[in-house]
Amino acid sequence: MSWLEENIGEGYQQVVVGFTVFIIGALLGWMEAANGQMTAAEVYMPAVIMLSGAMVTMLGLSFGTESEEDRTDDLMNAINDLTARMNRMLGQEEE
């Protein structure tokens, strides 16, 4: 797993677990669809499992890395930077 850790970062285990959970949900949905007709109740659990796996994977990619490109706080940093610039332009001191 060293290749995954080098390319993904410290969150590689979370990515592997999330992807596995997603595949399990997809397999459950495929098994439910094998009878030809699916109702909304039959779609619900596979969809929830797949979405849970996707969220775990995305969180592993977002928060589990040390890379500059993988930060999830860029929007808040941009808002804070814009606020500071506007305050400097208006001549207000930060308190």
C-alpha atoms as a PDB file:
ATOM      1  CA  MET A   1       0.000   0.000   0.000  1.00  0.00           C
ATOM      2  CA  SER A   2       2.996   2.316  -0.057  1.00  0.00           C
ATOM      3  CA  TRP A   3       2.108   3.386  -3.614  1.00  0.00           C
ATOM      4  CA  LEU A   4      -1.320   4.525  -2.418  1.00  0.00           C
ATOM      5  CA  GLU A   5       0.158   6.339   0.551  1.00  0.00           C
ATOM      6  CA  GLU A   6       2.664   8.140  -1.671  1.00  0.00           C
ATOM      7  CA  ASN A   7       0.029   9.249  -4.191  1.00  0.00           C
ATOM      8  CA  ILE A   8      -2.995   9.868  -1.971  1.00  0.00           C
ATOM      9  CA  GLY A   9      -1.420  10.719   1.369  1.00  0.00           C
ATOM     10  CA  GLU A  10      -2.207   9.693   4.916  1.00  0.00           C
ATOM     11  CA  GLY A  11      -5.900   9.257   4.152  1.00  0.00           C
ATOM     12  CA  TYR A  12      -5.328   6.301   1.834  1.00  0.00           C
ATOM     13  CA  GLN A  13      -6.837   3.828   4.295  1.00  0.00           C
ATOM     14  CA  GLN A  14     -10.031   5.860   4.466  1.00  0.00           C
ATOM     15  CA  VAL A  15     -10.155   5.982   0.665  1.00  0.00           C
ATOM     16  CA  VAL A  16      -9.793   2.200   0.435  1.00  0.00           C
ATOM     17  CA  VAL A  17     -12.519   1.635   3.049  1.00  0.00           C
ATOM     18  CA  GLY A  18     -14.871   4.125   1.377  1.00  0.00           C
ATOM     19  CA  PHE A  19     -14.335   2.600  -2.048  1.00  0.00           C
ATOM     20  CA  THR A  20     -14.971  -0.882  -0.628  1.00  0.00           C
ATOM     21  CA  VAL A  21     -18.222   0.265   1.016  1.00  0.00           C
ATOM     22  CA  PHE A  22     -19.276   1.880  -2.269  1.00  0.00           C
ATOM     23  CA  ILE A  23     -18.628  -1.370  -4.174  1.00  0.00           C
ATOM     24  CA  ILE A  24     -20.625  -3.336  -1.584  1.00  0.00           C
ATOM     25  CA  GLY A  25     -23.573  -0.960  -2.059  1.00  0.00           C
ATOM     26  CA  ALA A  26     -23.299  -1.290  -5.824  1.00  0.00           C
ATOM     27  CA  LEU A  27     -23.276  -5.085  -5.568  1.00  0.00           C
ATOM     28  CA  LEU A  28     -26.346  -5.025  -3.329  1.00  0.00           C
ATOM     29  CA  GLY A  29     -28.128  -2.822  -5.851  1.00  0.00           C
ATOM     30  CA  TRP A  30     -27.117  -5.119  -8.682  1.00  0.00           C
ATOM     31  CA  MET A  31     -28.464  -8.132  -6.792  1.00  0.00           C
ATOM     32  CA  GLU A  32     -31.743  -6.310  -6.141  1.00  0.00           C
ATOM     33  CA  ALA A  33     -32.003  -5.428  -9.831  1.00  0.00           C
ATOM     34  CA  ALA A  34     -31.482  -9.035 -10.895  1.00  0.00           C
ATOM     35  CA  ASN A  35     -35.196  -9.820 -10.534  1.00  0.00           C
ATOM     36  CA  GLY A  36     -36.084  -7.339 -13.271  1.00  0.00           C
ATOM     37  CA  GLN A  37     -38.128  -4.758 -11.354  1.00  0.00           C
ATOM     38  CA  MET A  38     -37.008  -2.557  -8.506  1.00  0.00           C
ATOM     39  CA  THR A  39     -39.221  -0.577  -6.187  1.00  0.00           C
ATOM     40  CA  ALA A  40     -38.149   2.550  -4.323  1.00  0.00           C
ATOM     41  CA  ALA A  41     -37.786   0.533  -1.125  1.00  0.00           C
ATOM     42  CA  GLU A  42     -35.345  -1.828  -2.830  1.00  0.00           C
ATOM     43  CA  VAL A  43     -33.253   1.066  -4.131  1.00  0.00           C
ATOM     44  CA  TYR A  44     -33.019   2.864  -0.800  1.00  0.00           C
ATOM     45  CA  MET A  45     -30.491   0.743   1.134  1.00  0.00           C
ATOM     46  CA  PRO A  46     -28.024   0.194  -1.738  1.00  0.00           C
ATOM     47  CA  ALA A  47     -28.159   3.913  -2.502  1.00  0.00           C
ATOM     48  CA  VAL A  48     -27.510   4.876   1.122  1.00  0.00           C
ATOM     49  CA  ILE A  49     -24.581   2.451   1.328  1.00  0.00           C
ATOM     50  CA  MET A  50     -23.132   3.734  -1.939  1.00  0.00           C
ATOM     51  CA  LEU A  51     -23.476   7.378  -0.862  1.00  0.00           C
ATOM     52  CA  SER A  52     -21.876   6.591   2.498  1.00  0.00           C
ATOM     53  CA  GLY A  53     -18.936   4.970   0.758  1.00  0.00           C
ATOM     54  CA  ALA A  54     -18.581   7.933  -1.575  1.00  0.00           C
ATOM     55  CA  MET A  55     -18.606  10.387   1.340  1.00  0.00           C
ATOM     56  CA  VAL A  56     -15.964   8.412   3.235  1.00  0.00           C
ATOM     57  CA  THR A  57     -13.820   8.348   0.089  1.00  0.00           C
ATOM     58  CA  MET A  58     -14.208  12.078  -0.493  1.00  0.00           C
ATOM     59  CA  LEU A  59     -13.394  12.874   3.129  1.00  0.00           C
ATOM     60  CA  GLY A  60     -10.295  10.694   2.895  1.00  0.00           C
ATOM     61  CA  LEU A  61      -9.190  12.600  -0.194  1.00  0.00           C
ATOM     62  CA  SER A  62     -10.030  16.004   1.280  1.00  0.00           C
ATOM     63  CA  PHE A  63      -8.810  15.827   4.862  1.00  0.00           C
ATOM     64  CA  GLY A  64      -6.396  12.916   4.830  1.00  0.00           C
ATOM     65  CA  THR A  65      -3.703  14.511   2.729  1.00  0.00           C
ATOM     66  CA  GLU A  66      -0.963  16.993   3.408  1.00  0.00           C
ATOM     67  CA  SER A  67      -0.927  18.328  -0.157  1.00  0.00           C
ATOM     68  CA  GLU A  68      -1.544  22.005  -0.829  1.00  0.00           C
ATOM     69  CA  GLU A  69      -3.996  21.205  -3.658  1.00  0.00           C
ATOM     70  CA  ASP A  70      -6.224  19.045  -1.469  1.00  0.00           C
ATOM     71  CA  ARG A  71      -7.285  21.646   1.045  1.00  0.00           C
ATOM     72  CA  THR A  72     -10.977  22.090   1.660  1.00  0.00           C
ATOM     73  CA  ASP A  73     -10.748  25.500   3.305  1.00  0.00           C
ATOM     74  CA  ASP A  74      -9.882  27.522   0.190  1.00  0.00           C
ATOM     75  CA  LEU A  75     -13.238  29.294   0.118  1.00  0.00           C
ATOM     76  CA  MET A  76     -12.974  30.420   3.751  1.00  0.00           C
ATOM     77  CA  ASN A  77      -9.386  31.566   3.198  1.00  0.00           C
ATOM     78  CA  ALA A  78     -10.483  33.592   0.156  1.00  0.00           C
ATOM     79  CA  ILE A  79     -13.350  35.201   2.098  1.00  0.00           C
ATOM     80  CA  ASN A  80     -11.035  36.104   4.995  1.00  0.00           C
ATOM     81  CA  ASP A  81      -8.453  37.524   2.583  1.00  0.00           C
ATOM     82  CA  LEU A  82     -11.086  39.599   0.784  1.00  0.00           C
ATOM     83  CA  THR A  83     -12.457  40.880   4.104  1.00  0.00           C
ATOM     84  CA  ALA A  84      -8.970  41.904   5.242  1.00  0.00           C
ATOM     85  CA  ARG A  85      -8.301  43.714   1.950  1.00  0.00           C
ATOM     86  CA  MET A  86     -11.604  45.566   2.137  1.00  0.00           C
ATOM     87  CA  ASN A  87     -10.890  46.609   5.713  1.00  0.00           C
ATOM     88  CA  ARG A  88      -7.457  47.918   4.679  1.00  0.00           C
ATOM     89  CA  MET A  89      -8.987  49.831   1.752  1.00  0.00           C
ATOM     90  CA  LEU A  90     -11.575  51.418   4.048  1.00  0.00           C
ATOM     91  CA  GLY A  91      -8.881  52.279   6.560  1.00  0.00           C
ATOM     92  CA  GLN A  92     -10.284  50.131   9.311  1.00  0.00           C
ATOM     93  CA  GLU A  93      -8.035  48.295  11.688  1.00  0.00           C
ATOM     94  CA  GLU A  94      -8.653  44.660  12.498  1.00  0.00           C
ATOM     95  CA  GLU A  95      -9.753  44.272  16.077  1.00  0.00           C
END
